[in-house]
Amino acid sequence: MSEYWRTSIFRVVLSYGIFFTIWAVCLLDLLHWTTAHYLSEQTDSNLRHQVRYLANLDRQRMLTSLDDYVALQSREFNSWGLFDSGGHPLYGNVGRLPGEIEVDGPVHSFSTDNHIHVWYGPGIEVRAIARRLNDGDILLLAHDTSVISRVGEIIHDALWWGLLLTLIPGVLGGYWMGRGAILRLRQLEQAILPLQRGELGQRLPVSSRGDELDQLADIVNVTLAEVERLMGEVKGVCDS
């Protein structure tokens, strides 16, 4: 059985499988990174646009729009909080102003822990932005980025399923092709036995495939024909 795994055909298939695996991992990692980067950029752009729009509204209209900001989502992806100048919560479902968020700074990513206490559980990755309003209060908008993480999980699942569905048929195919090569070698071995007994009229079998083994058998058969001719000439001289 082990001789099938040592054939050159199986080694070629195995080498190709390893190369394909490395290439697929690199390709899907690149796809994951570019997809996550694009989705993060879109999330950040939306947050910057939304906070600019809301900051220019009057207080009552802003609060109504913030409720809509949450309610219009098919899931509770969005969360918000309004804080006074000292960071104490006034409205919204954000428990406290996260210390890592820079007011009037860029969009920041953080883990919710206990910051957001209504819809988000602890350990959820969130992109958030904070802006100081004209009256000194601070508006915080947050967006759950679990979709980005889920995209990464889908890509990695696709990677493992793809490798599984590629490598298993590849290994079985390599074994099957190696088995065919071994069977043909056994046929050549049986054909050589009469030659070892001095029967120079014997020839190696040649299939219709025209592959490497057939080319080798043709070379050996030509050589045997020449040896048989020379031995015939020698025999003729000896008989004379």
Protein backbone atom coordinates (compact mmCIF):
# COMPACT_ATOMS: atom_id res chain seq x y z
CA MET A 1 0.00 0.00 0.00
CA SER A 2 2.78 2.45 0.91
CA GLU A 3 4.28 2.15 -2.57
CA TYR A 4 1.28 4.05 -3.97
CA TRP A 5 2.08 7.04 -1.76
CA ARG A 6 5.72 7.06 -2.91
CA THR A 7 4.93 7.42 -6.59
CA SER A 8 5.99 10.57 -8.42
CA ILE A 9 2.39 11.19 -9.51
CA PHE A 10 1.19 11.31 -5.91
CA ARG A 11 4.08 13.57 -4.97
CA VAL A 12 3.16 15.96 -7.78
CA VAL A 13 -0.47 15.99 -6.64
CA LEU A 14 0.61 16.53 -3.03
CA SER A 15 2.97 19.35 -3.98
CA TYR A 16 0.22 21.03 -5.99
CA GLY A 17 -2.17 20.61 -3.07
CA ILE A 18 0.27 22.28 -0.67
CA PHE A 19 0.89 25.11 -3.13
CA PHE A 20 -2.86 25.56 -3.68
CA THR A 21 -3.48 25.60 0.08
CA ILE A 22 -0.89 28.32 0.70
CA TRP A 23 -2.17 30.38 -2.24
CA ALA A 24 -5.81 30.01 -1.15
CA VAL A 25 -5.00 31.06 2.42
CA CYS A 26 -3.13 34.16 1.20
CA LEU A 27 -5.87 35.04 -1.28
CA LEU A 28 -8.74 34.71 1.19
CA ASP A 29 -6.80 36.58 3.89
CA LEU A 30 -6.35 39.42 1.40
CA LEU A 31 -10.06 39.24 0.54
CA HIS A 32 -10.94 39.32 4.24
CA TRP A 33 -8.72 42.32 4.90
CA THR A 34 -9.95 44.34 1.91
CA THR A 35 -13.61 43.55 2.69
CA ALA A 36 -13.27 44.42 6.38
CA HIS A 37 -11.36 47.59 5.50
CA TYR A 38 -14.03 48.68 3.01
CA LEU A 39 -16.89 48.00 5.44
CA SER A 40 -15.07 49.87 8.22
CA GLU A 41 -14.51 52.84 5.92
CA GLN A 42 -18.19 52.87 4.98
CA THR A 43 -19.22 52.69 8.64
CA ASP A 44 -16.87 55.55 9.57
CA SER A 45 -18.11 57.68 6.68
CA ASN A 46 -21.74 57.14 7.71
CA LEU A 47 -20.99 57.97 11.34
CA ARG A 48 -19.20 61.21 10.40
CA HIS A 49 -22.06 62.26 8.14
CA GLN A 50 -24.73 61.40 10.71
CA VAL A 51 -23.07 63.19 13.62
CA ARG A 52 -22.59 66.34 11.50
CA TYR A 53 -26.24 66.30 10.50
CA LEU A 54 -27.57 65.67 14.03
CA ALA A 55 -25.30 68.27 15.63
CA ASN A 56 -26.97 71.02 13.56
CA LEU A 57 -30.52 70.17 14.69
CA ASP A 58 -32.37 71.71 17.61
CA ARG A 59 -32.58 69.61 20.78
CA GLN A 60 -36.07 68.16 20.37
CA ARG A 61 -35.65 67.34 16.70
CA MET A 62 -32.24 65.82 17.39
CA LEU A 63 -33.65 63.51 20.08
CA THR A 64 -36.46 62.41 17.75
CA SER A 65 -33.97 61.77 14.96
CA LEU A 66 -31.76 59.79 17.35
CA ASP A 67 -34.67 57.54 18.27
CA ASP A 68 -35.27 57.00 14.56
CA TYR A 69 -31.53 56.37 14.14
CA VAL A 70 -31.97 53.26 16.28
CA ALA A 71 -35.51 52.23 15.32
CA LEU A 72 -34.95 52.23 11.54
CA GLN A 73 -32.38 49.42 11.76
CA SER A 74 -33.51 45.85 11.10
CA ARG A 75 -31.36 44.94 14.11
CA GLU A 76 -30.16 47.06 16.98
CA PHE A 77 -26.90 47.96 15.25
CA ASN A 78 -26.99 51.60 16.33
CA SER A 79 -26.68 53.15 19.76
CA TRP A 80 -26.30 56.71 21.02
CA GLY A 81 -25.85 58.81 24.09
CA LEU A 82 -26.10 62.48 24.98
CA PHE A 83 -23.87 63.69 27.81
CA ASP A 84 -23.37 67.00 29.55
CA SER A 85 -20.05 68.83 29.44
CA GLY A 86 -18.83 66.80 32.40
CA GLY A 87 -19.58 63.47 30.70
CA HIS A 88 -22.70 62.59 32.71
CA PRO A 89 -25.40 60.77 30.70
CA LEU A 90 -28.55 62.71 29.82
CA TYR A 91 -30.31 60.64 27.14
CA GLY A 92 -29.77 57.53 25.09
CA ASN A 93 -28.75 53.97 25.83
CA VAL A 94 -25.01 54.47 26.35
CA GLY A 95 -24.24 53.99 30.02
CA ARG A 96 -21.22 56.28 30.17
CA LEU A 97 -18.89 58.14 27.88
CA PRO A 98 -16.02 55.77 27.01
CA GLY A 99 -12.69 57.17 28.11
CA GLU A 100 -10.96 56.07 24.90
CA ILE A 101 -13.29 58.18 22.76
CA GLU A 102 -11.77 61.55 21.85
CA VAL A 103 -14.43 64.25 21.65
CA ASP A 104 -14.32 65.94 18.21
CA GLY A 105 -11.76 63.32 17.23
CA PRO A 106 -11.83 60.56 14.60
CA VAL A 107 -14.04 57.49 14.62
CA HIS A 108 -12.74 55.09 17.24
CA SER A 109 -13.16 51.35 17.76
CA PHE A 110 -13.65 49.88 21.21
CA SER A 111 -15.17 46.91 22.98
CA THR A 112 -18.51 47.71 24.64
CA ASP A 113 -17.89 46.03 27.99
CA ASN A 114 -20.36 47.92 30.17
CA HIS A 115 -20.47 51.21 28.24
CA ILE A 116 -23.64 50.39 26.33
CA HIS A 117 -26.17 48.67 28.53
CA VAL A 118 -29.45 48.33 26.65
CA TRP A 119 -29.03 46.37 23.40
CA TYR A 120 -25.32 45.56 23.26
CA GLY A 121 -23.85 42.91 25.46
CA PRO A 122 -20.27 43.01 26.75
CA GLY A 123 -17.40 42.31 24.39
CA ILE A 124 -19.07 43.64 21.22
CA GLU A 125 -16.80 45.57 18.87
CA VAL A 126 -18.24 49.02 18.14
CA ARG A 127 -17.19 51.95 15.98
CA ALA A 128 -18.10 55.25 17.65
CA ILE A 129 -17.68 58.99 17.24
CA ALA A 130 -18.26 61.87 19.70
CA ARG A 131 -18.98 65.53 18.91
CA ARG A 132 -19.36 68.52 21.22
CA LEU A 133 -22.55 70.46 20.49
CA ASN A 134 -22.93 74.23 20.52
CA ASP A 135 -24.38 74.18 24.06
CA GLY A 136 -21.42 72.16 25.38
CA ASP A 137 -23.16 68.78 25.54
CA ILE A 138 -21.49 65.76 23.93
CA LEU A 139 -23.22 63.55 21.38
CA LEU A 140 -21.96 59.98 20.93
CA LEU A 141 -22.99 57.74 18.03
CA ALA A 142 -22.02 54.06 17.93
CA HIS A 143 -22.45 51.30 15.38
CA ASP A 144 -22.11 47.58 16.01
CA THR A 145 -19.43 46.08 13.72
CA SER A 146 -20.39 42.45 14.29
CA VAL A 147 -21.36 42.27 10.60
CA ILE A 148 -17.72 42.86 9.67
CA SER A 149 -16.66 40.10 12.06
CA ARG A 150 -19.33 37.83 10.61
CA VAL A 151 -18.04 38.47 7.10
CA GLY A 152 -14.60 37.38 8.30
CA GLU A 153 -16.08 34.21 9.79
CA ILE A 154 -17.90 33.44 6.51
CA ILE A 155 -14.69 33.90 4.51
CA HIS A 156 -12.72 31.65 6.87
CA ASP A 157 -15.47 29.03 6.82
CA ALA A 158 -15.39 29.16 3.03
CA LEU A 159 -11.61 28.74 3.18
CA TRP A 160 -11.75 25.60 5.32
CA TRP A 161 -14.61 24.05 3.36
CA GLY A 162 -12.84 24.86 0.10
CA LEU A 163 -9.61 23.27 1.31
CA LEU A 164 -11.48 20.26 2.64
CA LEU A 165 -13.41 19.74 -0.57
CA THR A 166 -10.23 20.21 -2.63
CA LEU A 167 -7.61 18.29 -0.67
CA ILE A 168 -9.67 15.15 -0.01
CA PRO A 169 -10.47 14.56 -3.71
CA GLY A 170 -6.86 15.53 -4.49
CA VAL A 171 -5.45 12.93 -2.11
CA LEU A 172 -7.85 10.26 -3.37
CA GLY A 173 -7.09 11.25 -6.98
CA GLY A 174 -3.36 11.08 -6.30
CA TYR A 175 -3.78 7.65 -4.75
CA TRP A 176 -5.86 6.45 -7.71
CA MET A 177 -3.38 7.75 -10.29
CA GLY A 178 -0.46 6.36 -8.29
CA ARG A 179 -2.22 2.99 -8.16
CA GLY A 180 -2.61 3.05 -11.95
CA ALA A 181 1.09 3.80 -12.38
CA ILE A 182 2.05 0.95 -10.04
CA LEU A 183 -0.17 -1.50 -11.96
CA ARG A 184 1.48 -0.53 -15.24
CA LEU A 185 4.92 -0.95 -13.68
CA ARG A 186 3.91 -4.42 -12.57
CA GLN A 187 2.90 -5.20 -16.18
CA LEU A 188 6.31 -4.00 -17.39
CA GLU A 189 7.99 -6.06 -14.67
CA GLN A 190 6.16 -9.20 -15.82
CA ALA A 191 7.11 -8.48 -19.44
CA ILE A 192 10.79 -8.15 -18.49
CA LEU A 193 10.95 -11.60 -16.84
CA PRO A 194 11.24 -13.51 -20.19
CA LEU A 195 14.01 -11.08 -21.22
CA GLN A 196 15.92 -12.03 -18.07
CA ARG A 197 15.71 -15.64 -19.25
CA GLY A 198 17.25 -14.71 -22.59
CA GLU A 199 14.05 -14.48 -24.66
CA LEU A 200 15.07 -11.43 -26.67
CA GLY A 201 11.96 -11.60 -28.84
CA GLN A 202 9.85 -10.39 -25.92
CA ARG A 203 8.72 -6.74 -26.03
CA LEU A 204 7.36 -4.44 -23.36
CA PRO A 205 3.64 -3.59 -23.62
CA VAL A 206 2.77 -0.13 -24.96
CA SER A 207 -0.65 1.39 -24.28
CA SER A 208 -2.53 3.93 -26.36
CA ARG A 209 -1.91 6.69 -23.79
CA GLY A 210 1.47 7.73 -25.13
CA ASP A 211 2.62 8.88 -21.69
CA GLU A 212 6.09 8.71 -20.13
CA LEU A 213 5.91 4.99 -19.41
CA ASP A 214 4.92 4.28 -23.02
CA GLN A 215 7.79 6.42 -24.29
CA LEU A 216 10.19 4.52 -22.03
CA ALA A 217 8.78 1.21 -23.21
CA ASP A 218 9.26 2.30 -26.85
CA ILE A 219 12.90 3.16 -26.17
CA VAL A 220 13.47 -0.21 -24.46
CA ASN A 221 11.73 -2.05 -27.31
CA VAL A 222 13.91 -0.32 -29.92
CA THR A 223 16.98 -1.22 -27.86
CA LEU A 224 15.81 -4.85 -27.55
CA ALA A 225 15.22 -5.04 -31.29
CA GLU A 226 18.76 -3.78 -31.94
CA VAL A 227 20.22 -6.19 -29.39
CA GLU A 228 18.25 -9.04 -30.96
CA ARG A 229 19.54 -8.08 -34.41
CA LEU A 230 23.15 -7.92 -33.22
CA MET A 231 22.85 -11.22 -31.38
CA GLY A 232 21.42 -12.75 -34.56
CA GLU A 233 24.42 -11.50 -36.53
CA VAL A 234 26.81 -12.88 -33.92
CA LYS A 235 24.99 -16.20 -33.98
CA GLY A 236 25.19 -16.25 -37.77
CA VAL A 237 28.93 -15.63 -37.68
CA CYS A 238 29.39 -18.34 -35.05
CA ASP A 239 27.32 -20.82 -37.09
CA SER A 240 29.40 -20.06 -40.18
